[in-house]
């Protein structure tokens, strides 16, 4: 297959490279200030962007030719991240873990993103959100705070996600537990004497339960990147998918796009686990009673579809004591998540300070503990 050609976004005024302006619908030139509007895809384009792919065809690798594309990407040798390159820029370090990388020249065919949520926060706004979050951390190394104060650049990356839709019908068996109370006599000791008292004891009667629940799931979001910690990606929520726009490479000008490393089948298995949690809640509600036991659940899936979308994340990678720590800022809402180092010196001083305060309080309470009589001036 032929290699994908480099894509540039030249300024109509001076020829310099343009970049997408977060929160707007235009490209801006940092050199001369000229702006160019991103062409409107129109209503038909928006409809196409939100059209679901049939999941069965996707799992069979049988999607229409126009649903896939060739991409040029680079693999990080440290974290395994896959960064796709749409323009002439090539990274000197991985945006996920700050490891130096070299751009690959090979191409691969992947499912094409159908839509994306454009960046709403600028780099300055994202850095402010990160600084506020870091400032709230206890025992953070001073160098970590200096990292953001120094104005280190953050990387804007469109991260890959899958969304899944499905209609589910689940049959279950289990038990419904209903509480009741019995009165019993117990012996207690009061002022050294034994007394008999009455108390209420909770018990549970169990009754067999079975039934059926159904639920339609729409846009169950699954991160399609294995280079980012799952916890961080999940906790960047919520995403407002109502802001999705048809995929247009113009939105990527000045940013990077990560290729998916979580395959479609693996992503759907994760989505089913998320669906199962909701189905379990539905079953417990259907069983009723005070407590429930679920013995078995059989779920049938139908009308299964998916989308491949890109969501905006500002990233910063920081190295401390030879280890990389990553910070993520939701490029739509400003939600911050990250890995954080602890300063051993700050923790040691805190422990020492607490010990000194405890000893001081103990001395004031009973100086004789330290083998000294109370000075005359304190009497």
Protein backbone atom coordinates (compact mmCIF):
# COMPACT_ATOMS: atom_id res chain seq x y z
CA UNK A 1 0.00 0.00 0.00
CA UNK A 2 1.22 3.48 -0.74
CA UNK A 3 2.32 5.62 2.14
CA UNK A 4 -0.02 8.34 3.25
CA UNK A 5 1.12 11.73 2.02
CA UNK A 6 2.07 14.46 4.45
CA UNK A 7 -0.71 16.92 5.16
CA UNK A 8 -0.03 20.61 5.71
CA UNK A 9 -2.39 23.40 6.73
CA UNK A 10 -0.75 26.45 5.04
CA UNK A 11 -1.86 29.93 5.95
CA UNK A 12 -3.50 31.72 3.03
CA UNK A 13 -1.79 34.93 4.11
CA UNK A 14 1.82 34.00 4.87
CA UNK A 15 2.17 30.29 4.14
CA UNK A 16 3.07 29.28 7.71
CA UNK A 17 1.39 26.25 9.26
CA UNK A 18 -2.04 26.81 10.79
CA UNK A 19 -3.39 25.18 13.94
CA UNK A 20 -6.89 24.52 15.18
CA UNK A 21 -8.05 27.17 17.66
CA UNK A 22 -9.67 25.39 20.67
CA UNK A 23 -13.20 26.49 21.43
CA UNK A 24 -13.68 27.89 17.93
CA UNK A 25 -14.43 26.60 14.45
CA UNK A 26 -11.40 28.02 12.71
CA UNK A 27 -7.70 27.55 12.06
CA UNK A 28 -5.30 30.24 13.30
CA UNK A 29 -1.82 31.25 12.20
CA UNK A 30 0.59 31.91 15.08
CA UNK A 31 2.90 33.76 12.69
CA UNK A 32 0.63 36.46 11.24
CA UNK A 33 -2.65 36.05 13.12
CA UNK A 34 -4.70 35.13 10.05
CA UNK A 35 -7.69 32.84 10.63
CA UNK A 36 -9.47 30.46 8.27
CA UNK A 37 -12.86 28.91 8.96
CA UNK A 38 -13.18 25.13 8.94
CA UNK A 39 -15.67 24.16 6.23
CA UNK A 40 -19.07 23.22 7.61
CA UNK A 41 -19.90 19.58 6.98
CA UNK A 42 -23.61 20.36 6.88
CA UNK A 43 -26.51 18.33 8.20
CA UNK A 44 -25.77 15.34 5.94
CA UNK A 45 -22.21 15.22 7.23
CA UNK A 46 -23.38 15.28 10.84
CA UNK A 47 -25.81 12.45 10.15
CA UNK A 48 -23.06 10.35 8.59
CA UNK A 49 -20.73 11.07 11.51
CA UNK A 50 -23.22 9.72 14.04
CA UNK A 51 -24.24 6.67 11.97
CA UNK A 52 -23.31 3.45 13.75
CA UNK A 53 -21.32 0.62 12.16
CA UNK A 54 -22.72 -2.89 12.42
CA UNK A 55 -20.69 -4.62 15.13
CA UNK A 56 -20.82 -8.08 13.56
CA UNK A 57 -19.32 -6.73 10.32
CA UNK A 58 -16.66 -4.87 12.26
CA UNK A 59 -15.66 -8.01 14.16
CA UNK A 60 -15.46 -9.91 10.86
CA UNK A 61 -13.27 -7.15 9.39
CA UNK A 62 -15.97 -6.75 6.75
CA UNK A 63 -16.67 -3.01 6.91
CA UNK A 64 -17.10 -0.97 3.71
CA UNK A 65 -13.88 0.26 2.12
CA UNK A 66 -14.70 3.89 2.95
CA UNK A 67 -14.93 3.01 6.67
CA UNK A 68 -11.20 2.29 6.85
CA UNK A 69 -8.06 4.24 5.99
CA UNK A 70 -4.30 3.96 5.83
CA UNK A 71 -2.45 5.77 8.60
CA UNK A 72 1.19 6.58 9.32
CA UNK A 73 2.12 6.21 12.96
CA UNK A 74 4.91 5.83 15.46
CA UNK A 75 5.20 3.39 18.34
CA UNK A 76 6.63 4.47 21.68
CA UNK A 77 9.27 1.92 22.77
CA UNK A 78 8.45 2.57 26.45
CA UNK A 79 4.66 2.70 26.92
CA UNK A 80 3.53 1.26 23.58
CA UNK A 81 1.49 4.31 22.62
CA UNK A 82 0.66 4.69 18.94
CA UNK A 83 0.66 8.28 17.68
CA UNK A 84 -0.78 8.93 14.24
CA UNK A 85 0.59 11.82 12.20
CA UNK A 86 -1.70 13.86 10.01
CA UNK A 87 0.67 16.71 9.24
CA UNK A 88 4.35 17.49 8.76
CA UNK A 89 5.18 17.66 12.46
CA UNK A 90 6.89 14.70 14.07
CA UNK A 91 7.25 14.25 17.82
CA UNK A 92 10.57 14.29 19.59
CA UNK A 93 9.10 12.69 22.71
CA UNK A 94 6.06 10.56 23.46
CA UNK A 95 3.19 12.70 24.75
CA UNK A 96 2.14 9.88 27.07
CA UNK A 97 5.38 9.16 28.94
CA UNK A 98 7.98 11.72 27.71
CA UNK A 99 10.15 9.03 26.07
CA UNK A 100 12.04 10.11 22.89
CA UNK A 101 10.53 8.48 19.80
CA UNK A 102 11.33 8.22 16.10
CA UNK A 103 8.57 8.52 13.52
CA UNK A 104 7.88 5.32 11.58
CA UNK A 105 7.44 5.48 7.82
CA UNK A 106 5.20 2.41 7.45
CA UNK A 107 1.42 2.50 7.13
CA UNK A 108 -1.41 0.31 8.37
CA UNK A 109 -5.13 0.11 7.59
CA UNK A 110 -7.46 0.88 10.46
CA UNK A 111 -11.07 1.75 11.09
CA UNK A 112 -11.51 5.41 10.29
CA UNK A 113 -12.71 7.79 13.05
CA UNK A 114 -16.27 8.82 12.29
CA UNK A 115 -16.44 11.81 14.60
CA UNK A 116 -14.56 13.77 17.21
CA UNK A 117 -15.14 16.26 20.00
CA UNK A 118 -12.98 19.33 19.20
CA UNK A 119 -10.74 20.84 21.84
CA UNK A 120 -12.67 23.42 23.85
CA UNK A 121 -9.84 24.33 26.27
CA UNK A 122 -6.68 26.10 25.15
CA UNK A 123 -3.28 24.98 26.40
CA UNK A 124 -3.22 27.94 28.79
CA UNK A 125 -6.59 26.95 30.27
CA UNK A 126 -5.51 23.33 30.57
CA UNK A 127 -2.28 24.34 32.35
CA UNK A 128 -4.27 26.46 34.82
CA UNK A 129 -6.51 23.48 35.60
CA UNK A 130 -3.46 21.26 36.08
CA UNK A 131 -1.73 23.80 38.35
CA UNK A 132 -4.82 24.04 40.55
CA UNK A 133 -5.00 20.25 40.81
CA UNK A 134 -1.30 19.86 41.60
CA UNK A 135 -1.50 22.63 44.18
CA UNK A 136 -4.11 20.61 46.07
CA UNK A 137 -1.88 17.53 46.43
CA UNK A 138 -0.32 16.70 49.78
CA UNK A 139 3.39 15.85 49.92
CA UNK A 140 3.99 16.69 46.25
CA UNK A 141 7.67 17.35 45.38
CA UNK A 142 8.50 21.04 44.95
CA UNK A 143 9.96 20.23 41.54
CA UNK A 144 6.52 18.99 40.46
CA UNK A 145 4.96 22.36 41.19
CA UNK A 146 7.89 24.13 39.52
CA UNK A 147 7.24 21.95 36.47
CA UNK A 148 3.96 23.73 35.75
CA UNK A 149 5.13 27.17 36.90
CA UNK A 150 7.95 26.96 34.34
CA UNK A 151 5.35 26.82 31.57
CA UNK A 152 6.38 23.46 30.18
CA UNK A 153 4.41 22.76 27.02
CA UNK A 154 1.47 20.38 27.20
CA UNK A 155 0.62 18.03 24.36
CA UNK A 156 -2.84 18.15 22.83
CA UNK A 157 -3.80 14.65 21.74
CA UNK A 158 -6.99 13.28 20.24
CA UNK A 159 -7.31 9.94 22.06
CA UNK A 160 -9.18 7.00 20.50
CA UNK A 161 -12.42 5.66 21.97
CA UNK A 162 -15.07 3.16 20.99
CA UNK A 163 -18.77 3.67 21.69
CA UNK A 164 -21.16 0.73 21.69
CA UNK A 165 -24.93 0.41 21.42
CA UNK A 166 -26.91 -2.73 22.18
CA UNK A 167 -30.37 -3.92 23.11
CA UNK A 168 -30.18 -6.47 25.94
CA UNK A 169 -32.64 -8.97 27.39
CA UNK A 170 -31.56 -10.81 30.54
CA UNK A 171 -33.08 -13.76 32.37
CA UNK A 172 -32.08 -14.32 35.97
CA UNK A 173 -32.57 -16.59 38.97
CA UNK A 174 -31.85 -15.71 42.56
CA UNK A 175 -33.41 -15.07 45.95
CA UNK A 176 -35.22 -12.21 47.63
CA UNK A 177 -34.38 -11.60 51.26
CA UNK A 178 -36.89 -9.96 53.62
CA UNK A 179 -35.82 -8.88 57.09
CA UNK A 180 -37.76 -9.62 60.23
CA UNK A 181 -36.90 -9.24 63.93
CA UNK A 182 -37.02 -11.52 66.94
CA UNK A 183 -36.76 -10.57 70.58
CA UNK A 184 -34.25 -12.39 72.73
CA UNK A 185 -32.85 -12.03 76.27
CA UNK A 186 -29.18 -11.24 76.74
CA UNK A 187 -27.02 -10.87 79.84
CA UNK A 188 -25.11 -7.61 80.21
CA UNK A 189 -22.85 -6.29 82.97
CA UNK A 190 -23.76 -2.92 84.47
CA UNK A 191 -21.66 -1.48 87.33
CA UNK A 192 -20.21 -4.90 87.97
CA UNK A 193 -23.57 -6.61 88.13
CA UNK A 194 -25.23 -8.92 85.61
CA UNK A 195 -28.61 -7.91 84.22
CA UNK A 196 -31.06 -9.46 81.76
CA UNK A 197 -32.14 -7.26 78.88
CA UNK A 198 -34.31 -7.68 75.80
CA UNK A 199 -32.93 -6.88 72.35
CA UNK A 200 -34.17 -7.07 68.76
CA UNK A 201 -32.24 -9.41 66.47
CA UNK A 202 -32.47 -9.03 62.69
CA UNK A 203 -33.04 -12.18 60.67
CA UNK A 204 -33.81 -12.78 57.00
CA UNK A 205 -36.34 -14.98 55.23
CA UNK A 206 -35.32 -16.01 51.72
CA UNK A 207 -37.71 -16.61 48.82
CA UNK A 208 -36.84 -17.89 45.32
CA UNK A 209 -36.89 -15.26 42.59
CA UNK A 210 -36.60 -15.32 38.82
CA UNK A 211 -37.52 -13.01 36.02
CA UNK A 212 -36.46 -10.99 33.02
CA UNK A 213 -35.15 -7.46 32.59
CA UNK A 214 -34.39 -5.53 29.40
CA UNK A 215 -32.38 -2.39 28.71
CA UNK A 216 -31.16 -0.51 25.65
CA UNK A 217 -27.63 0.83 25.91
CA UNK A 218 -26.55 3.90 23.93
CA UNK A 219 -22.96 5.10 23.56
CA UNK A 220 -21.16 3.01 26.18
CA UNK A 221 -17.73 4.68 26.00
CA UNK A 222 -14.58 2.54 26.08
CA UNK A 223 -11.06 3.93 25.87
CA UNK A 224 -9.23 2.38 22.90
CA UNK A 225 -5.74 3.28 24.11
CA UNK A 226 -3.50 0.88 26.03
CA UNK A 227 -0.79 3.50 26.53
CA UNK A 228 -2.79 5.35 29.19
CA UNK A 229 -3.73 3.93 32.59
CA UNK A 230 -7.33 2.67 32.41
CA UNK A 231 -8.23 4.41 35.67
CA UNK A 232 -7.13 7.81 34.39
CA UNK A 233 -9.00 7.43 31.12
CA UNK A 234 -12.20 6.33 32.85
CA UNK A 235 -12.13 9.10 35.43
CA UNK A 236 -11.81 11.87 32.84
CA UNK A 237 -15.57 11.61 32.41
CA UNK A 238 -18.12 12.84 31.77
CA UNK A 239 -17.84 13.52 28.05
CA UNK A 240 -20.58 15.46 26.30
CA UNK A 241 -20.98 13.37 23.15
CA UNK A 242 -23.63 15.81 22.01
CA UNK A 243 -20.67 17.95 20.89
CA UNK A 244 -19.44 15.34 18.39
CA UNK A 245 -18.74 16.70 14.92
CA UNK A 246 -17.95 14.78 11.73
CA UNK A 247 -14.31 13.76 11.53
CA UNK A 248 -12.33 16.42 9.70
CA UNK A 249 -8.51 16.43 9.70
CA UNK A 250 -8.59 20.23 10.00
CA UNK A 251 -9.41 19.81 13.69
CA UNK A 252 -6.11 17.96 14.08
CA UNK A 253 -3.98 20.87 12.85
CA UNK A 254 -1.40 21.55 15.56
CA UNK A 255 -2.39 18.44 17.52
CA UNK A 256 -1.60 14.74 17.49
CA UNK A 257 -3.97 11.81 17.14
CA UNK A 258 -3.34 8.48 18.81
CA UNK A 259 -4.19 5.32 16.93
CA UNK A 260 -6.26 2.72 18.74
CA UNK A 261 -4.37 -0.16 20.34
CA UNK A 262 -7.42 -1.74 21.99
CA UNK A 263 -8.99 -3.76 19.21
CA UNK A 264 -12.73 -3.69 18.53
CA UNK A 265 -13.41 -7.16 20.02
CA UNK A 266 -11.52 -6.33 23.21
CA UNK A 267 -13.32 -3.00 23.47
CA UNK A 268 -16.71 -4.69 23.17
CA UNK A 269 -15.83 -7.16 25.94
CA UNK A 270 -15.05 -4.18 28.18
CA UNK A 271 -18.33 -2.54 27.18
CA UNK A 272 -20.23 -5.72 28.09
CA UNK A 273 -18.63 -5.66 31.54
CA UNK A 274 -19.91 -2.10 31.99
CA UNK A 275 -23.34 -3.14 30.74
CA UNK A 276 -23.35 -6.10 33.15
CA UNK A 277 -23.01 -3.75 36.12
CA UNK A 278 -26.10 -1.84 35.04
CA UNK A 279 -28.00 -5.06 34.32
CA UNK A 280 -27.16 -6.34 37.82
CA UNK A 281 -28.63 -3.17 39.33
CA UNK A 282 -31.77 -3.67 37.23
CA UNK A 283 -32.07 -7.28 38.42
CA UNK A 284 -31.69 -6.37 42.09
CA UNK A 285 -34.38 -3.74 41.69
CA UNK A 286 -36.62 -6.28 39.96
CA UNK A 287 -36.10 -8.90 42.70
CA UNK A 288 -37.00 -6.36 45.37
CA UNK A 289 -37.02 -7.11 49.09
CA UNK A 290 -34.42 -5.89 51.56
CA UNK A 291 -31.46 -7.84 50.17
CA UNK A 292 -30.94 -9.93 47.04
CA UNK A 293 -28.85 -12.86 45.90
CA UNK A 294 -28.29 -13.40 42.17
CA UNK A 295 -27.61 -17.00 41.21
CA UNK A 296 -27.48 -16.81 37.41
CA UNK A 297 -27.82 -14.28 34.60
CA UNK A 298 -28.16 -15.04 30.89
CA UNK A 299 -28.08 -12.01 28.60
CA UNK A 300 -28.91 -11.85 24.91
CA UNK A 301 -27.57 -8.95 22.82
CA UNK A 302 -29.15 -7.58 19.65
CA UNK A 303 -28.92 -4.46 17.45
CA UNK A 304 -25.21 -4.25 18.28
CA UNK A 305 -23.44 -1.28 16.70
CA UNK A 306 -20.34 0.82 17.33
CA UNK A 307 -18.55 4.05 16.47
CA UNK A 308 -14.87 4.97 16.49
CA UNK A 309 -14.41 8.51 17.83
CA UNK A 310 -11.61 10.79 19.01
CA UNK A 311 -11.79 12.78 22.26
CA UNK A 312 -9.53 15.72 23.24
CA UNK A 313 -6.97 15.33 26.03
CA UNK A 314 -4.20 17.67 27.12
CA UNK A 315 -1.26 15.65 28.43
CA UNK A 316 1.85 16.37 30.44
CA UNK A 317 4.56 13.87 31.36
CA UNK A 318 6.92 14.51 34.28
CA UNK A 319 9.94 12.46 35.34
CA UNK A 320 10.81 12.20 39.04
CA UNK A 321 13.42 9.88 40.53
CA UNK A 322 13.77 8.08 37.23
CA UNK A 323 10.05 7.34 36.84
CA UNK A 324 7.53 8.92 34.47
CA UNK A 325 4.27 10.37 35.80
CA UNK A 326 1.41 11.38 33.53
CA UNK A 327 -1.23 14.05 33.94
CA UNK A 328 -4.37 14.29 31.80
CA UNK A 329 -6.75 17.20 31.36
CA UNK A 330 -10.10 16.67 29.67
CA UNK A 331 -9.87 19.04 26.70
CA UNK A 332 -13.63 19.56 26.78
CA UNK A 333 -14.42 20.03 30.50
CA UNK A 334 -11.10 20.67 32.30
CA UNK A 335 -11.38 17.55 34.52
CA UNK A 336 -7.87 16.56 35.71
CA UNK A 337 -6.54 13.10 36.49
CA UNK A 338 -2.97 11.97 36.99
CA UNK A 339 -0.34 9.81 38.58
CA UNK A 340 1.49 11.59 41.35
CA UNK A 341 4.85 11.16 43.06
CA UNK A 342 5.39 11.71 46.78
CA UNK A 343 8.26 13.64 48.30
CA UNK A 344 10.04 11.36 50.79
CA UNK A 345 11.55 14.43 52.49
CA UNK A 346 8.17 16.09 53.01
CA UNK A 347 6.70 12.89 54.41
CA UNK A 348 9.70 12.42 56.74
CA UNK A 349 9.46 16.00 58.02
CA UNK A 350 5.69 15.61 58.52
CA UNK A 351 6.21 12.42 60.55
CA UNK A 352 8.98 14.05 62.57
CA UNK A 353 6.83 17.13 63.20
CA UNK A 354 3.91 14.98 64.33
CA UNK A 355 6.19 13.06 66.69
CA UNK A 356 7.56 16.29 68.22
CA UNK A 357 4.03 17.64 68.76
CA UNK A 358 2.94 14.35 70.34
CA UNK A 359 5.92 14.34 72.72
CA UNK A 360 5.31 17.97 73.61
CA UNK A 361 1.67 17.27 74.44
CA UNK A 362 2.68 14.24 76.50
CA UNK A 363 5.24 16.27 78.44
CA UNK A 364 2.73 19.00 79.26
CA UNK A 365 0.28 16.34 80.44
CA UNK A 366 2.79 14.48 82.67
CA UNK A 367 6.40 15.75 82.81
CA UNK A 368 7.38 12.91 85.14
CA UNK A 369 7.18 10.50 82.22
CA UNK A 370 10.44 12.00 80.98
CA UNK A 371 12.10 11.51 84.38
CA UNK A 372 11.99 15.16 85.35
CA UNK A 373 10.11 16.97 88.09
CA UNK A 374 7.97 19.93 87.21
CA UNK A 375 10.09 23.13 87.41
CA UNK A 376 9.27 25.49 90.30
CA UNK A 377 8.23 28.24 87.91
CA UNK A 378 5.52 26.01 86.44
CA UNK A 379 3.93 25.38 89.87
